[in-house]
Protein backbone atom coordinates (compact mmCIF):
# COMPACT_ATOMS: atom_id res chain seq x y z
CA MET A 1 -29.99 46.92 20.48
CA GLN A 2 -32.65 48.91 18.73
CA GLY A 3 -34.00 52.06 20.29
CA VAL A 4 -37.56 52.02 21.62
CA PHE A 5 -39.80 55.09 21.65
CA ILE A 6 -42.70 55.13 24.11
CA THR A 7 -45.06 58.04 24.72
CA PHE A 8 -47.64 58.77 27.41
CA GLU A 9 -50.73 60.79 26.58
CA GLY A 10 -53.92 61.86 28.33
CA GLY A 11 -55.70 64.77 29.91
CA GLU A 12 -54.65 66.90 32.83
CA GLY A 13 -54.08 65.04 36.10
CA ALA A 14 -53.93 61.58 34.52
CA GLY A 15 -50.62 60.79 36.24
CA LYS A 16 -48.37 60.71 33.19
CA SER A 17 -45.24 62.02 34.90
CA THR A 18 -45.58 59.45 37.70
CA GLN A 19 -45.97 56.58 35.26
CA VAL A 20 -43.04 57.83 33.16
CA ARG A 21 -40.85 57.75 36.26
CA LEU A 22 -41.99 54.30 37.39
CA LEU A 23 -41.58 52.79 33.94
CA ALA A 24 -38.12 54.30 33.56
CA GLU A 25 -37.03 52.78 36.86
CA ARG A 26 -38.20 49.34 35.79
CA VAL A 27 -36.54 49.50 32.37
CA ARG A 28 -33.26 50.77 33.86
CA ALA A 29 -33.30 47.78 36.21
CA LEU A 30 -32.95 45.62 33.09
CA GLY A 31 -29.72 47.40 32.19
CA ARG A 32 -31.13 49.51 29.36
CA GLU A 33 -30.29 53.17 28.87
CA VAL A 34 -33.45 55.21 29.42
CA ILE A 35 -34.08 58.81 28.44
CA THR A 36 -37.10 60.44 30.04
CA THR A 37 -38.33 63.68 28.57
CA ARG A 38 -41.44 65.79 28.07
CA GLU A 39 -43.30 67.93 25.58
CA PRO A 40 -43.41 70.73 25.03
CA GLY A 41 -39.86 70.79 26.29
CA GLY A 42 -36.89 68.47 26.45
CA THR A 43 -34.28 70.96 25.25
CA GLU A 44 -33.31 74.46 26.33
CA MET A 45 -35.05 76.09 23.37
CA ALA A 46 -38.10 73.85 23.61
CA GLU A 47 -38.47 74.69 27.30
CA ARG A 48 -38.51 78.39 26.40
CA ILE A 49 -41.33 77.69 23.96
CA ARG A 50 -43.10 75.66 26.63
CA ALA A 51 -43.24 78.74 28.85
CA LEU A 52 -45.19 80.58 26.14
CA LEU A 53 -47.70 77.75 25.86
CA VAL A 54 -48.43 76.82 29.46
CA ASN A 55 -48.42 80.24 31.15
CA GLY A 56 -50.73 83.21 30.73
CA GLU A 57 -54.40 83.58 29.95
CA PRO A 58 -56.30 80.87 28.06
CA GLU A 59 -57.16 83.24 25.20
CA ALA A 60 -53.55 84.42 24.76
CA LEU A 61 -52.93 82.09 21.79
CA SER A 62 -55.11 80.57 19.09
CA SER A 63 -55.12 76.81 18.58
CA THR A 64 -53.18 77.30 15.34
CA ALA A 65 -50.50 79.36 17.06
CA GLU A 66 -50.26 76.67 19.75
CA ALA A 67 -49.80 73.96 17.14
CA LEU A 68 -47.04 75.89 15.38
CA LEU A 69 -45.22 76.58 18.64
CA ASN A 70 -45.51 72.94 19.66
CA TYR A 71 -43.96 71.82 16.40
CA ALA A 72 -41.15 74.36 16.63
CA ALA A 73 -40.32 72.86 20.04
CA ARG A 74 -40.81 69.30 18.75
CA ASP A 75 -38.43 69.78 15.85
CA ASP A 76 -35.66 70.83 18.24
CA HIS A 77 -36.53 68.03 20.64
CA LEU A 78 -36.33 65.42 17.90
CA ARG A 79 -33.03 66.68 16.53
CA GLN A 80 -31.24 67.15 19.84
CA VAL A 81 -32.64 64.43 22.10
CA ILE A 82 -34.98 61.81 20.67
CA ARG A 83 -33.32 60.78 17.42
CA PRO A 84 -29.75 60.63 18.84
CA ALA A 85 -30.97 58.52 21.78
CA LEU A 86 -32.87 56.10 19.56
CA ALA A 87 -29.87 55.82 17.22
CA ARG A 88 -27.66 54.58 20.07
CA GLY A 89 -30.28 52.06 21.22
CA ALA A 90 -31.80 53.87 24.20
CA VAL A 91 -35.37 53.58 25.41
CA VAL A 92 -36.98 57.02 25.12
CA ILE A 93 -40.04 57.69 27.28
CA SER A 94 -41.79 60.97 26.65
CA ASP A 95 -44.52 62.66 28.67
CA ARG A 96 -46.60 63.77 25.66
CA PHE A 97 -45.66 63.88 21.98
CA HIS A 98 -47.46 64.51 18.68
CA ASP A 99 -50.82 63.08 19.76
CA SER A 100 -51.21 65.91 22.25
CA THR A 101 -51.05 68.48 19.47
CA ARG A 102 -53.66 66.61 17.47
CA ALA A 103 -55.89 66.25 20.55
CA TYR A 104 -55.53 69.71 22.12
CA GLN A 105 -55.19 71.91 19.07
CA ALA A 106 -57.11 70.06 16.33
CA TYR A 107 -59.75 67.75 17.81
CA ALA A 108 -60.55 69.72 20.97
CA GLY A 109 -59.44 73.09 19.54
CA ASN A 110 -59.97 74.71 16.17
CA CYS A 111 -56.62 74.32 14.41
CA PRO A 112 -57.16 72.84 10.93
CA LEU A 113 -56.44 69.11 10.97
CA THR A 114 -54.82 69.45 7.55
CA LEU A 115 -52.16 71.71 9.08
CA VAL A 116 -51.48 69.29 11.94
CA LYS A 117 -51.16 66.38 9.51
CA ALA A 118 -48.72 68.37 7.37
CA LEU A 119 -46.61 69.19 10.43
CA GLU A 120 -46.63 65.53 11.46
CA ARG A 121 -45.46 64.50 8.00
CA ASP A 122 -42.72 67.08 7.59
CA VAL A 123 -41.38 67.30 11.16
CA LEU A 124 -41.77 63.75 12.46
CA VAL A 125 -40.79 62.17 9.13
CA ASP A 126 -40.09 58.56 10.25
CA THR A 127 -39.76 59.14 14.02
CA TRP A 128 -42.98 57.81 15.48
CA PRO A 129 -43.61 56.12 18.83
CA GLN A 130 -43.73 52.33 18.81
CA ARG A 131 -46.24 52.42 21.63
CA THR A 132 -48.46 55.19 23.00
CA ILE A 133 -50.11 54.73 26.37
CA ILE A 134 -53.20 56.87 26.80
CA LEU A 135 -54.02 57.31 30.48
CA ASP A 136 -57.77 57.84 30.60
CA ILE A 137 -59.48 59.65 33.47
CA ASP A 138 -62.71 61.57 33.99
CA PRO A 139 -61.82 65.25 33.47
CA GLU A 140 -63.35 66.37 36.76
CA GLN A 141 -61.23 63.88 38.66
CA GLY A 142 -58.12 64.77 36.68
CA LEU A 143 -58.54 68.51 37.16
CA GLY A 144 -59.17 67.91 40.86
CA ARG A 145 -55.85 66.08 41.10
CA THR A 146 -54.12 68.95 39.31
CA ARG A 147 -55.57 71.58 41.62
CA GLN A 148 -54.53 69.55 44.64
CA ARG A 149 -50.98 69.20 43.31
CA MET A 150 -50.70 72.91 42.60
CA GLY A 151 -51.95 73.72 46.08
CA GLN A 152 -49.25 71.52 47.54
CA GLN A 153 -46.53 73.08 45.37
CA GLY A 154 -47.52 76.70 45.95
CA ARG A 155 -47.21 79.30 43.23
CA GLY A 156 -43.72 78.45 42.07
CA ALA A 157 -42.63 78.28 38.44
CA GLU A 158 -43.97 74.76 37.90
CA ALA A 159 -47.21 75.42 39.74
CA ALA A 160 -47.92 78.43 37.54
CA GLU A 161 -48.18 76.21 34.44
CA ASP A 162 -51.95 76.21 34.57
CA ARG A 163 -53.05 77.85 31.32
CA PHE A 164 -54.70 74.72 29.88
CA GLU A 165 -56.24 73.73 33.21
CA ARG A 166 -58.19 77.01 33.04
CA PHE A 167 -59.78 76.24 29.66
CA GLY A 168 -62.92 74.97 31.39
CA LEU A 169 -64.52 71.59 31.93
CA ALA A 170 -66.24 71.48 28.53
CA PHE A 171 -62.88 71.73 26.77
CA HIS A 172 -61.40 68.95 28.89
CA GLN A 173 -64.39 66.72 28.17
CA LYS A 174 -63.76 67.26 24.45
CA LEU A 175 -60.09 66.53 25.08
CA ARG A 176 -60.87 63.17 26.65
CA GLN A 177 -62.92 62.22 23.62
CA ALA A 178 -60.09 63.41 21.39
CA PHE A 179 -57.62 61.00 22.97
CA LEU A 180 -60.12 58.14 22.77
CA ARG A 181 -60.58 58.97 19.08
CA ILE A 182 -56.82 58.88 18.53
CA ALA A 183 -56.66 55.44 20.17
CA GLN A 184 -59.46 54.21 17.93
CA GLU A 185 -57.69 55.56 14.84
CA ASN A 186 -54.36 53.96 15.81
CA PRO A 187 -55.16 50.57 17.39
CA GLN A 188 -51.76 49.05 16.60
CA ARG A 189 -49.88 51.81 18.43
CA CYS A 190 -52.19 53.13 21.15
CA VAL A 191 -53.35 51.41 24.32
CA ILE A 192 -55.91 52.94 26.70
CA ILE A 193 -55.29 52.37 30.40
CA SER A 194 -57.64 53.59 33.11
CA ALA A 195 -55.81 56.10 35.31
CA ALA A 196 -58.57 56.36 37.92
CA ARG A 197 -57.01 53.51 39.95
CA PRO A 198 -54.12 53.16 42.40
CA VAL A 199 -50.73 54.06 40.93
CA GLU A 200 -49.41 50.51 41.35
CA GLU A 201 -52.27 49.00 39.35
CA VAL A 202 -51.77 51.46 36.52
CA ALA A 203 -48.01 50.79 36.53
CA ALA A 204 -48.61 47.03 36.27
CA ASP A 205 -50.78 47.53 33.21
CA VAL A 206 -48.20 49.87 31.68
CA TRP A 207 -45.48 47.25 32.13
CA ALA A 208 -47.62 44.58 30.49
CA VAL A 209 -47.91 46.84 27.44
CA VAL A 210 -44.26 47.88 27.28
CA HIS A 211 -42.20 44.80 28.08
CA PRO A 212 -42.92 42.99 24.77
CA LEU A 213 -41.18 45.88 22.97
CA LEU A 214 -37.87 45.23 24.71
CA GLN A 215 -35.20 42.77 23.70
CA PRO A 216 -36.36 39.14 24.08
CA GLU A 217 -33.99 38.48 26.95
CA ASP A 218 -35.34 41.56 28.73
CA ALA A 219 -38.99 40.94 27.95
CA GLY A 220 -39.14 37.88 30.13
CA ALA A 221 -37.63 39.63 33.13
CA ALA A 222 -39.77 40.36 36.17
């Protein structure tokens, strides 16, 4: 079996982690090995870098510094997790990947796009997602979901990861347009799914997008 690489993208509060979990459960039910992971993160070193990116004050890092840190984490993630899993035929599902760097740091931020493209070329090489699902949601609704989740969690380690949420609504509106632009630029790879609906409806649309990528005997399974 060939490995399959699927990524989820979108703004804050779009429900990516929930859809990653639901998709993984459905693919595992077909007997496939599934690796779920996230960015920045996925390895011990990448998780340390994640802490630098998602905690602290919004102005603590420039967009260029963020892009470089993301790619340092991504390089480790690719070498230790993603490429080995794909080589043995696993289905890898990642909550964010390279499109987030292009969206957050280049299109919505002020990191030079030429730098991001160079990092994509030299770090990703030939490891690109076969399908990217962009969960689209109005930023106000998405940020509202995020605030509600953080209130339920309290101020634990995970709940404190709110640096990007505090960038302001104008940034998140630019971010939404950035992801829509990425989908327009990559129509063969990216699919936009509305995330402003019940979880089950979103999951059904995700499955319709993903199941053709699996082995033929799996693709026809319910």
